[in-house]
Amino acid sequence: PVLLGGVFKATNNVSPAVSLRGIRNKPE
């Protein structure tokens, strides 16, 4: 078990829901 929010904070990452926002074709 890991806390994904903590992983994102430590690595400066974001969820796909954020990273794919506004990108054409990739979410599909």
mmCIF file of all heavy atoms, coordinates in Angstrom:
data_MODEL
# 
_entry.id   MODEL 
# 
loop_
_atom_site.group_PDB 
_atom_site.id 
_atom_site.type_symbol 
_atom_site.label_atom_id 
_atom_site.label_alt_id 
_atom_site.label_comp_id 
_atom_site.label_asym_id 
_atom_site.label_entity_id 
_atom_site.label_seq_id 
_atom_site.pdbx_PDB_ins_code 
_atom_site.Cartn_x 
_atom_site.Cartn_y 
_atom_site.Cartn_z 
_atom_site.occupancy 
_atom_site.B_iso_or_equiv 
_atom_site.pdbx_formal_charge 
_atom_site.auth_seq_id 
_atom_site.auth_comp_id 
_atom_site.auth_asym_id 
_atom_site.auth_atom_id 
_atom_site.pdbx_PDB_model_num 
ATOM 1   N N   . PRO A 1 1  ? 0.835   -1.205 0.000   1.00 0.00 ? 1  PRO A N   1 
ATOM 2   C CA  . PRO A 1 1  ? 0.000   0.000  0.000   1.00 0.00 ? 1  PRO A CA  1 
ATOM 3   C C   . PRO A 1 1  ? 0.876   1.263  0.000   1.00 0.00 ? 1  PRO A C   1 
ATOM 4   O O   . PRO A 1 1  ? 1.791   1.389  0.814   1.00 0.00 ? 1  PRO A O   1 
ATOM 5   C CB  . PRO A 1 1  ? -0.786  -0.102 1.316   1.00 0.00 ? 1  PRO A CB  1 
ATOM 6   C CG  . PRO A 1 1  ? -0.520  -1.474 1.859   1.00 0.00 ? 1  PRO A CG  1 
ATOM 7   C CD  . PRO A 1 1  ? 0.779   -1.916 1.277   1.00 0.00 ? 1  PRO A CD  1 
ATOM 8   N N   . VAL A 1 2  ? 0.579   2.169  -0.917  1.00 0.00 ? 2  VAL A N   1 
ATOM 9   C CA  . VAL A 1 2  ? 1.254   3.469  -0.964  1.00 0.00 ? 2  VAL A CA  1 
ATOM 10  C C   . VAL A 1 2  ? 0.191   4.550  -1.123  1.00 0.00 ? 2  VAL A C   1 
ATOM 11  O O   . VAL A 1 2  ? -0.922  4.272  -1.567  1.00 0.00 ? 2  VAL A O   1 
ATOM 12  C CB  . VAL A 1 2  ? 2.278   3.565  -2.117  1.00 0.00 ? 2  VAL A CB  1 
ATOM 13  C CG1 . VAL A 1 2  ? 3.380   2.526  -1.959  1.00 0.00 ? 2  VAL A CG1 1 
ATOM 14  C CG2 . VAL A 1 2  ? 1.599   3.432  -3.478  1.00 0.00 ? 2  VAL A CG2 1 
ATOM 15  N N   . LEU A 1 3  ? 0.532   5.764  -0.753  1.00 0.00 ? 3  LEU A N   1 
ATOM 16  C CA  . LEU A 1 3  ? -0.399  6.873  -0.915  1.00 0.00 ? 3  LEU A CA  1 
ATOM 17  C C   . LEU A 1 3  ? -0.066  7.604  -2.199  1.00 0.00 ? 3  LEU A C   1 
ATOM 18  O O   . LEU A 1 3  ? 0.976   8.255  -2.311  1.00 0.00 ? 3  LEU A O   1 
ATOM 19  C CB  . LEU A 1 3  ? -0.329  7.816  0.281   1.00 0.00 ? 3  LEU A CB  1 
ATOM 20  C CG  . LEU A 1 3  ? -1.406  8.907  0.300   1.00 0.00 ? 3  LEU A CG  1 
ATOM 21  C CD1 . LEU A 1 3  ? -2.798  8.295  0.422   1.00 0.00 ? 3  LEU A CD1 1 
ATOM 22  C CD2 . LEU A 1 3  ? -1.164  9.886  1.435   1.00 0.00 ? 3  LEU A CD2 1 
ATOM 23  N N   . LEU A 1 4  ? -0.958  7.503  -3.177  1.00 0.00 ? 4  LEU A N   1 
ATOM 24  C CA  . LEU A 1 4  ? -0.678  8.047  -4.495  1.00 0.00 ? 4  LEU A CA  1 
ATOM 25  C C   . LEU A 1 4  ? -0.489  9.560  -4.459  1.00 0.00 ? 4  LEU A C   1 
ATOM 26  O O   . LEU A 1 4  ? 0.348   10.101 -5.182  1.00 0.00 ? 4  LEU A O   1 
ATOM 27  C CB  . LEU A 1 4  ? -1.801  7.660  -5.458  1.00 0.00 ? 4  LEU A CB  1 
ATOM 28  C CG  . LEU A 1 4  ? -1.559  7.876  -6.944  1.00 0.00 ? 4  LEU A CG  1 
ATOM 29  C CD1 . LEU A 1 4  ? -0.253  7.239  -7.402  1.00 0.00 ? 4  LEU A CD1 1 
ATOM 30  C CD2 . LEU A 1 4  ? -2.734  7.330  -7.755  1.00 0.00 ? 4  LEU A CD2 1 
ATOM 31  N N   . GLY A 1 5  ? -1.252  10.230 -3.601  1.00 0.00 ? 5  GLY A N   1 
ATOM 32  C CA  . GLY A 1 5  ? -1.065  11.674 -3.463  1.00 0.00 ? 5  GLY A CA  1 
ATOM 33  C C   . GLY A 1 5  ? 0.333   12.018 -3.007  1.00 0.00 ? 5  GLY A C   1 
ATOM 34  O O   . GLY A 1 5  ? 0.934   12.990 -3.480  1.00 0.00 ? 5  GLY A O   1 
ATOM 35  N N   . GLY A 1 6  ? 0.868   11.213 -2.109  1.00 0.00 ? 6  GLY A N   1 
ATOM 36  C CA  . GLY A 1 6  ? 2.239   11.420 -1.644  1.00 0.00 ? 6  GLY A CA  1 
ATOM 37  C C   . GLY A 1 6  ? 3.256   11.138 -2.730  1.00 0.00 ? 6  GLY A C   1 
ATOM 38  O O   . GLY A 1 6  ? 4.264   11.842 -2.850  1.00 0.00 ? 6  GLY A O   1 
ATOM 39  N N   . VAL A 1 7  ? 2.993   10.098 -3.523  1.00 0.00 ? 7  VAL A N   1 
ATOM 40  C CA  . VAL A 1 7  ? 3.878   9.786  -4.653  1.00 0.00 ? 7  VAL A CA  1 
ATOM 41  C C   . VAL A 1 7  ? 3.891   10.948 -5.643  1.00 0.00 ? 7  VAL A C   1 
ATOM 42  O O   . VAL A 1 7  ? 4.955   11.387 -6.103  1.00 0.00 ? 7  VAL A O   1 
ATOM 43  C CB  . VAL A 1 7  ? 3.430   8.484  -5.356  1.00 0.00 ? 7  VAL A CB  1 
ATOM 44  C CG1 . VAL A 1 7  ? 4.198   8.279  -6.654  1.00 0.00 ? 7  VAL A CG1 1 
ATOM 45  C CG2 . VAL A 1 7  ? 3.616   7.289  -4.434  1.00 0.00 ? 7  VAL A CG2 1 
ATOM 46  N N   . PHE A 1 8  ? 2.703   11.445 -5.983  1.00 0.00 ? 8  PHE A N   1 
ATOM 47  C CA  . PHE A 1 8  ? 2.613   12.568 -6.929  1.00 0.00 ? 8  PHE A CA  1 
ATOM 48  C C   . PHE A 1 8  ? 3.349   13.799 -6.399  1.00 0.00 ? 8  PHE A C   1 
ATOM 49  O O   . PHE A 1 8  ? 4.068   14.476 -7.141  1.00 0.00 ? 8  PHE A O   1 
ATOM 50  C CB  . PHE A 1 8  ? 1.150   12.923 -7.194  1.00 0.00 ? 8  PHE A CB  1 
ATOM 51  C CG  . PHE A 1 8  ? 0.431   11.949 -8.094  1.00 0.00 ? 8  PHE A CG  1 
ATOM 52  C CD1 . PHE A 1 8  ? -0.945  11.987 -8.206  1.00 0.00 ? 8  PHE A CD1 1 
ATOM 53  C CD2 . PHE A 1 8  ? 1.111   11.003 -8.841  1.00 0.00 ? 8  PHE A CD2 1 
ATOM 54  C CE1 . PHE A 1 8  ? -1.626  11.114 -9.044  1.00 0.00 ? 8  PHE A CE1 1 
ATOM 55  C CE2 . PHE A 1 8  ? 0.452   10.124 -9.677  1.00 0.00 ? 8  PHE A CE2 1 
ATOM 56  C CZ  . PHE A 1 8  ? -0.927  10.178 -9.777  1.00 0.00 ? 8  PHE A CZ  1 
ATOM 57  N N   . LYS A 1 9  ? 3.159   14.091 -5.126  1.00 0.00 ? 9  LYS A N   1 
ATOM 58  C CA  . LYS A 1 9  ? 3.805   15.265 -4.549  1.00 0.00 ? 9  LYS A CA  1 
ATOM 59  C C   . LYS A 1 9  ? 5.322   15.130 -4.593  1.00 0.00 ? 9  LYS A C   1 
ATOM 60  O O   . LYS A 1 9  ? 6.039   16.081 -4.921  1.00 0.00 ? 9  LYS A O   1 
ATOM 61  C CB  . LYS A 1 9  ? 3.331   15.466 -3.114  1.00 0.00 ? 9  LYS A CB  1 
ATOM 62  C CG  . LYS A 1 9  ? 3.882   16.718 -2.455  1.00 0.00 ? 9  LYS A CG  1 
ATOM 63  C CD  . LYS A 1 9  ? 3.298   16.906 -1.060  1.00 0.00 ? 9  LYS A CD  1 
ATOM 64  C CE  . LYS A 1 9  ? 3.859   18.173 -0.407  1.00 0.00 ? 9  LYS A CE  1 
ATOM 65  N NZ  . LYS A 1 9  ? 3.293   18.376 0.965   1.00 0.00 ? 9  LYS A NZ  1 
ATOM 66  N N   . ALA A 1 10 ? 5.823   13.943 -4.283  1.00 0.00 ? 10 ALA A N   1 
ATOM 67  C CA  . ALA A 1 10 ? 7.270   13.728 -4.231  1.00 0.00 ? 10 ALA A CA  1 
ATOM 68  C C   . ALA A 1 10 ? 7.919   13.725 -5.609  1.00 0.00 ? 10 ALA A C   1 
ATOM 69  O O   . ALA A 1 10 ? 9.115   14.004 -5.738  1.00 0.00 ? 10 ALA A O   1 
ATOM 70  C CB  . ALA A 1 10 ? 7.579   12.416 -3.512  1.00 0.00 ? 10 ALA A CB  1 
ATOM 71  N N   . THR A 1 11 ? 7.134   13.394 -6.639  1.00 0.00 ? 11 THR A N   1 
ATOM 72  C CA  . THR A 1 11 ? 7.691   13.256 -7.994  1.00 0.00 ? 11 THR A CA  1 
ATOM 73  C C   . THR A 1 11 ? 7.220   14.354 -8.947  1.00 0.00 ? 11 THR A C   1 
ATOM 74  O O   . THR A 1 11 ? 7.565   14.327 -10.126 1.00 0.00 ? 11 THR A O   1 
ATOM 75  C CB  . THR A 1 11 ? 7.319   11.884 -8.584  1.00 0.00 ? 11 THR A CB  1 
ATOM 76  O OG1 . THR A 1 11 ? 5.888   11.764 -8.637  1.00 0.00 ? 11 THR A OG1 1 
ATOM 77  C CG2 . THR A 1 11 ? 7.904   10.752 -7.750  1.00 0.00 ? 11 THR A CG2 1 
ATOM 78  N N   . ASN A 1 12 ? 6.419   15.280 -8.434  1.00 0.00 ? 12 ASN A N   1 
ATOM 79  C CA  . ASN A 1 12 ? 5.855   16.357 -9.267  1.00 0.00 ? 12 ASN A CA  1 
ATOM 80  C C   . ASN A 1 12 ? 5.021   15.793 -10.410 1.00 0.00 ? 12 ASN A C   1 
ATOM 81  O O   . ASN A 1 12 ? 5.002   16.329 -11.518 1.00 0.00 ? 12 ASN A O   1 
ATOM 82  C CB  . ASN A 1 12 ? 6.954   17.270 -9.814  1.00 0.00 ? 12 ASN A CB  1 
ATOM 83  C CG  . ASN A 1 12 ? 6.421   18.624 -10.262 1.00 0.00 ? 12 ASN A CG  1 
ATOM 84  O OD1 . ASN A 1 12 ? 5.440   19.119 -9.705  1.00 0.00 ? 12 ASN A OD1 1 
ATOM 85  N ND2 . ASN A 1 12 ? 7.039   19.211 -11.264 1.00 0.00 ? 12 ASN A ND2 1 
ATOM 86  N N   . ASN A 1 13 ? 4.314   14.702 -10.121 1.00 0.00 ? 13 ASN A N   1 
ATOM 87  C CA  . ASN A 1 13 ? 3.468   14.044 -11.111 1.00 0.00 ? 13 ASN A CA  1 
ATOM 88  C C   . ASN A 1 13 ? 2.015   14.428 -10.866 1.00 0.00 ? 13 ASN A C   1 
ATOM 89  O O   . ASN A 1 13 ? 1.666   14.963 -9.809  1.00 0.00 ? 13 ASN A O   1 
ATOM 90  C CB  . ASN A 1 13 ? 3.640   12.522 -11.012 1.00 0.00 ? 13 ASN A CB  1 
ATOM 91  C CG  . ASN A 1 13 ? 3.070   11.782 -12.209 1.00 0.00 ? 13 ASN A CG  1 
ATOM 92  O OD1 . ASN A 1 13 ? 2.717   12.386 -13.210 1.00 0.00 ? 13 ASN A OD1 1 
ATOM 93  N ND2 . ASN A 1 13 ? 2.980   10.468 -12.085 1.00 0.00 ? 13 ASN A ND2 1 
ATOM 94  N N   . VAL A 1 14 ? 1.146   14.163 -11.843 1.00 0.00 ? 14 VAL A N   1 
ATOM 95  C CA  . VAL A 1 14 ? -0.285  14.384 -11.704 1.00 0.00 ? 14 VAL A CA  1 
ATOM 96  C C   . VAL A 1 14 ? -1.023  13.178 -12.270 1.00 0.00 ? 14 VAL A C   1 
ATOM 97  O O   . VAL A 1 14 ? -0.453  12.378 -13.007 1.00 0.00 ? 14 VAL A O   1 
ATOM 98  C CB  . VAL A 1 14 ? -0.758  15.665 -12.438 1.00 0.00 ? 14 VAL A CB  1 
ATOM 99  C CG1 . VAL A 1 14 ? -0.160  16.911 -11.804 1.00 0.00 ? 14 VAL A CG1 1 
ATOM 100 C CG2 . VAL A 1 14 ? -0.430  15.591 -13.928 1.00 0.00 ? 14 VAL A CG2 1 
ATOM 101 N N   . SER A 1 15 ? -2.290  13.052 -11.941 1.00 0.00 ? 15 SER A N   1 
ATOM 102 C CA  . SER A 1 15 ? -3.088  11.929 -12.423 1.00 0.00 ? 15 SER A CA  1 
ATOM 103 C C   . SER A 1 15 ? -3.379  12.086 -13.912 1.00 0.00 ? 15 SER A C   1 
ATOM 104 O O   . SER A 1 15 ? -3.365  13.208 -14.444 1.00 0.00 ? 15 SER A O   1 
ATOM 105 C CB  . SER A 1 15 ? -4.403  11.852 -11.653 1.00 0.00 ? 15 SER A CB  1 
ATOM 106 O OG  . SER A 1 15 ? -5.265  12.890 -12.052 1.00 0.00 ? 15 SER A OG  1 
ATOM 107 N N   . PRO A 1 16 ? -3.692  10.973 -14.602 1.00 0.00 ? 16 PRO A N   1 
ATOM 108 C CA  . PRO A 1 16 ? -4.078  11.072 -16.014 1.00 0.00 ? 16 PRO A CA  1 
ATOM 109 C C   . PRO A 1 16 ? -5.285  11.979 -16.237 1.00 0.00 ? 16 PRO A C   1 
ATOM 110 O O   . PRO A 1 16 ? -5.397  12.606 -17.290 1.00 0.00 ? 16 PRO A O   1 
ATOM 111 C CB  . PRO A 1 16 ? -4.395  9.621  -16.398 1.00 0.00 ? 16 PRO A CB  1 
ATOM 112 C CG  . PRO A 1 16 ? -3.578  8.800  -15.454 1.00 0.00 ? 16 PRO A CG  1 
ATOM 113 C CD  . PRO A 1 16 ? -3.574  9.571  -14.170 1.00 0.00 ? 16 PRO A CD  1 
ATOM 114 N N   . ALA A 1 17 ? -6.182  12.039 -15.258 1.00 0.00 ? 17 ALA A N   1 
ATOM 115 C CA  . ALA A 1 17 ? -7.351  12.915 -15.396 1.00 0.00 ? 17 ALA A CA  1 
ATOM 116 C C   . ALA A 1 17 ? -6.934  14.367 -15.596 1.00 0.00 ? 17 ALA A C   1 
ATOM 117 O O   . ALA A 1 17 ? -7.616  15.140 -16.263 1.00 0.00 ? 17 ALA A O   1 
ATOM 118 C CB  . ALA A 1 17 ? -8.241  12.791 -14.165 1.00 0.00 ? 17 ALA A CB  1 
ATOM 119 N N   . VAL A 1 18 ? -5.778  14.711 -15.025 1.00 0.00 ? 18 VAL A N   1 
ATOM 120 C CA  . VAL A 1 18 ? -5.244  16.063 -15.181 1.00 0.00 ? 18 VAL A CA  1 
ATOM 121 C C   . VAL A 1 18 ? -4.346  16.156 -16.409 1.00 0.00 ? 18 VAL A C   1 
ATOM 122 O O   . VAL A 1 18 ? -4.484  17.058 -17.235 1.00 0.00 ? 18 VAL A O   1 
ATOM 123 C CB  . VAL A 1 18 ? -4.464  16.494 -13.919 1.00 0.00 ? 18 VAL A CB  1 
ATOM 124 C CG1 . VAL A 1 18 ? -3.801  17.850 -14.131 1.00 0.00 ? 18 VAL A CG1 1 
ATOM 125 C CG2 . VAL A 1 18 ? -5.393  16.542 -12.713 1.00 0.00 ? 18 VAL A CG2 1 
ATOM 126 N N   . SER A 1 19 ? -3.446  15.193 -16.553 1.00 0.00 ? 19 SER A N   1 
ATOM 127 C CA  . SER A 1 19 ? -2.446  15.287 -17.624 1.00 0.00 ? 19 SER A CA  1 
ATOM 128 C C   . SER A 1 19 ? -3.049  15.142 -19.014 1.00 0.00 ? 19 SER A C   1 
ATOM 129 O O   . SER A 1 19 ? -2.498  15.662 -19.989 1.00 0.00 ? 19 SER A O   1 
ATOM 130 C CB  . SER A 1 19 ? -1.357  14.223 -17.419 1.00 0.00 ? 19 SER A CB  1 
ATOM 131 O OG  . SER A 1 19 ? -1.895  12.919 -17.562 1.00 0.00 ? 19 SER A OG  1 
ATOM 132 N N   . LEU A 1 20 ? -4.185  14.447 -19.122 1.00 0.00 ? 20 LEU A N   1 
ATOM 133 C CA  . LEU A 1 20 ? -4.799  14.231 -20.433 1.00 0.00 ? 20 LEU A CA  1 
ATOM 134 C C   . LEU A 1 20 ? -5.838  15.294 -20.793 1.00 0.00 ? 20 LEU A C   1 
ATOM 135 O O   . LEU A 1 20 ? -6.344  15.312 -21.915 1.00 0.00 ? 20 LEU A O   1 
ATOM 136 C CB  . LEU A 1 20 ? -5.465  12.852 -20.486 1.00 0.00 ? 20 LEU A CB  1 
ATOM 137 C CG  . LEU A 1 20 ? -4.547  11.644 -20.342 1.00 0.00 ? 20 LEU A CG  1 
ATOM 138 C CD1 . LEU A 1 20 ? -5.354  10.356 -20.368 1.00 0.00 ? 20 LEU A CD1 1 
ATOM 139 C CD2 . LEU A 1 20 ? -3.486  11.622 -21.436 1.00 0.00 ? 20 LEU A CD2 1 
ATOM 140 N N   . ARG A 1 21 ? -6.123  16.164 -19.846 1.00 0.00 ? 21 ARG A N   1 
ATOM 141 C CA  . ARG A 1 21 ? -7.162  17.166 -20.068 1.00 0.00 ? 21 ARG A CA  1 
ATOM 142 C C   . ARG A 1 21 ? -6.783  18.092 -21.233 1.00 0.00 ? 21 ARG A C   1 
ATOM 143 O O   . ARG A 1 21 ? -5.685  18.659 -21.255 1.00 0.00 ? 21 ARG A O   1 
ATOM 144 C CB  . ARG A 1 21 ? -7.381  17.972 -18.789 1.00 0.00 ? 21 ARG A CB  1 
ATOM 145 C CG  . ARG A 1 21 ? -8.584  18.914 -18.836 1.00 0.00 ? 21 ARG A CG  1 
ATOM 146 C CD  . ARG A 1 21 ? -8.726  19.634 -17.511 1.00 0.00 ? 21 ARG A CD  1 
ATOM 147 N NE  . ARG A 1 21 ? -8.951  18.693 -16.421 1.00 0.00 ? 21 ARG A NE  1 
ATOM 148 C CZ  . ARG A 1 21 ? -8.575  18.917 -15.158 1.00 0.00 ? 21 ARG A CZ  1 
ATOM 149 N NH1 . ARG A 1 21 ? -7.937  20.033 -14.844 1.00 0.00 ? 21 ARG A NH1 1 
ATOM 150 N NH2 . ARG A 1 21 ? -8.833  18.028 -14.222 1.00 0.00 ? 21 ARG A NH2 1 
ATOM 151 N N   . GLY A 1 22 ? -7.695  18.216 -22.181 1.00 0.00 ? 22 GLY A N   1 
ATOM 152 C CA  . GLY A 1 22 ? -7.476  19.131 -23.287 1.00 0.00 ? 22 GLY A CA  1 
ATOM 153 C C   . GLY A 1 22 ? -6.653  18.571 -24.427 1.00 0.00 ? 22 GLY A C   1 
ATOM 154 O O   . GLY A 1 22 ? -6.426  19.251 -25.432 1.00 0.00 ? 22 GLY A O   1 
ATOM 155 N N   . ILE A 1 23 ? -6.183  17.330 -24.285 1.00 0.00 ? 23 ILE A N   1 
ATOM 156 C CA  . ILE A 1 23 ? -5.373  16.717 -25.346 1.00 0.00 ? 23 ILE A CA  1 
ATOM 157 C C   . ILE A 1 23 ? -6.286  15.948 -26.298 1.00 0.00 ? 23 ILE A C   1 
ATOM 158 O O   . ILE A 1 23 ? -7.086  15.113 -25.873 1.00 0.00 ? 23 ILE A O   1 
ATOM 159 C CB  . ILE A 1 23 ? -4.309  15.769 -24.762 1.00 0.00 ? 23 ILE A CB  1 
ATOM 160 C CG1 . ILE A 1 23 ? -3.343  16.545 -23.866 1.00 0.00 ? 23 ILE A CG1 1 
ATOM 161 C CG2 . ILE A 1 23 ? -3.551  15.062 -25.883 1.00 0.00 ? 23 ILE A CG2 1 
ATOM 162 C CD1 . ILE A 1 23 ? -2.302  15.683 -23.189 1.00 0.00 ? 23 ILE A CD1 1 
ATOM 163 N N   . ARG A 1 24 ? -6.158  16.232 -27.567 1.00 0.00 ? 24 ARG A N   1 
ATOM 164 C CA  . ARG A 1 24 ? -6.995  15.561 -28.558 1.00 0.00 ? 24 ARG A CA  1 
ATOM 165 C C   . ARG A 1 24 ? -6.475  14.160 -28.865 1.00 0.00 ? 24 ARG A C   1 
ATOM 166 O O   . ARG A 1 24 ? -5.264  13.950 -29.013 1.00 0.00 ? 24 ARG A O   1 
ATOM 167 C CB  . ARG A 1 24 ? -7.022  16.398 -29.841 1.00 0.00 ? 24 ARG A CB  1 
ATOM 168 C CG  . ARG A 1 24 ? -7.918  15.820 -30.925 1.00 0.00 ? 24 ARG A CG  1 
ATOM 169 C CD  . ARG A 1 24 ? -7.948  16.713 -32.146 1.00 0.00 ? 24 ARG A CD  1 
ATOM 170 N NE  . ARG A 1 24 ? -8.757  16.135 -33.212 1.00 0.00 ? 24 ARG A NE  1 
ATOM 171 C CZ  . ARG A 1 24 ? -8.911  16.705 -34.402 1.00 0.00 ? 24 ARG A CZ  1 
ATOM 172 N NH1 . ARG A 1 24 ? -8.331  17.864 -34.675 1.00 0.00 ? 24 ARG A NH1 1 
ATOM 173 N NH2 . ARG A 1 24 ? -9.651  16.104 -35.317 1.00 0.00 ? 24 ARG A NH2 1 
ATOM 174 N N   . ASN A 1 25 ? -7.375  13.203 -28.903 1.00 0.00 ? 25 ASN A N   1 
ATOM 175 C CA  . ASN A 1 25 ? -7.142  11.810 -29.322 1.00 0.00 ? 25 ASN A CA  1 
ATOM 176 C C   . ASN A 1 25 ? -6.511  10.924 -28.237 1.00 0.00 ? 25 ASN A C   1 
ATOM 177 O O   . ASN A 1 25 ? -6.779  9.724  -28.201 1.00 0.00 ? 25 ASN A O   1 
ATOM 178 C CB  . ASN A 1 25 ? -6.280  11.721 -30.592 1.00 0.00 ? 25 ASN A CB  1 
ATOM 179 C CG  . ASN A 1 25 ? -6.984  12.278 -31.800 1.00 0.00 ? 25 ASN A CG  1 
ATOM 180 O OD1 . ASN A 1 25 ? -8.213  12.300 -31.845 1.00 0.00 ? 25 ASN A OD1 1 
ATOM 181 N ND2 . ASN A 1 25 ? -6.224  12.738 -32.782 1.00 0.00 ? 25 ASN A ND2 1 
ATOM 182 N N   . LYS A 1 26 ? -5.651  11.458 -27.391 1.00 0.00 ? 26 LYS A N   1 
ATOM 183 C CA  . LYS A 1 26 ? -4.965  10.603 -26.422 1.00 0.00 ? 26 LYS A CA  1 
ATOM 184 C C   . LYS A 1 26 ? -5.916  9.975  -25.411 1.00 0.00 ? 26 LYS A C   1 
ATOM 185 O O   . LYS A 1 26 ? -5.801  8.767  -25.130 1.00 0.00 ? 26 LYS A O   1 
ATOM 186 C CB  . LYS A 1 26 ? -3.852  11.376 -25.712 1.00 0.00 ? 26 LYS A CB  1 
ATOM 187 C CG  . LYS A 1 26 ? -2.928  10.463 -24.907 1.00 0.00 ? 26 LYS A CG  1 
ATOM 188 C CD  . LYS A 1 26 ? -1.715  11.224 -24.390 1.00 0.00 ? 26 LYS A CD  1 
ATOM 189 C CE  . LYS A 1 26 ? -0.790  10.289 -23.615 1.00 0.00 ? 26 LYS A CE  1 
ATOM 190 N NZ  . LYS A 1 26 ? 0.392   10.999 -23.091 1.00 0.00 ? 26 LYS A NZ  1 
ATOM 191 N N   . PRO A 1 27 ? -6.864  10.726 -24.821 1.00 0.00 ? 27 PRO A N   1 
ATOM 192 C CA  . PRO A 1 27 ? -7.813  10.070 -23.906 1.00 0.00 ? 27 PRO A CA  1 
ATOM 193 C C   . PRO A 1 27 ? -8.599  8.947  -24.573 1.00 0.00 ? 27 PRO A C   1 
ATOM 194 O O   . PRO A 1 27 ? -8.860  7.906  -23.966 1.00 0.00 ? 27 PRO A O   1 
ATOM 195 C CB  . PRO A 1 27 ? -8.722  11.218 -23.460 1.00 0.00 ? 27 PRO A CB  1 
ATOM 196 C CG  . PRO A 1 27 ? -7.906  12.448 -23.648 1.00 0.00 ? 27 PRO A CG  1 
ATOM 197 C CD  . PRO A 1 27 ? -7.083  12.177 -24.869 1.00 0.00 ? 27 PRO A CD  1 
ATOM 198 N N   . GLU A 1 28 ? -8.982  9.167  -25.833 1.00 0.00 ? 28 GLU A N   1 
ATOM 199 C CA  . GLU A 1 28 ? -9.714  8.133  -26.563 1.00 0.00 ? 28 GLU A CA  1 
ATOM 200 C C   . GLU A 1 28 ? -8.846  6.886  -26.750 1.00 0.00 ? 28 GLU A C   1 
ATOM 201 O O   . GLU A 1 28 ? -9.335  5.752  -26.655 1.00 0.00 ? 28 GLU A O   1 
ATOM 202 C CB  . GLU A 1 28 ? -10.166 8.671  -27.926 1.00 0.00 ? 28 GLU A CB  1 
ATOM 203 C CG  . GLU A 1 28 ? -11.270 9.717  -27.857 1.00 0.00 ? 28 GLU A CG  1 
ATOM 204 C CD  . GLU A 1 28 ? -10.763 11.111 -27.484 1.00 0.00 ? 28 GLU A CD  1 
ATOM 205 O OE1 . GLU A 1 28 ? -9.519  11.309 -27.414 1.00 0.00 ? 28 GLU A OE1 1 
ATOM 206 O OE2 . GLU A 1 28 ? -11.598 11.999 -27.263 1.00 0.00 ? 28 GLU A OE2 1 
# 
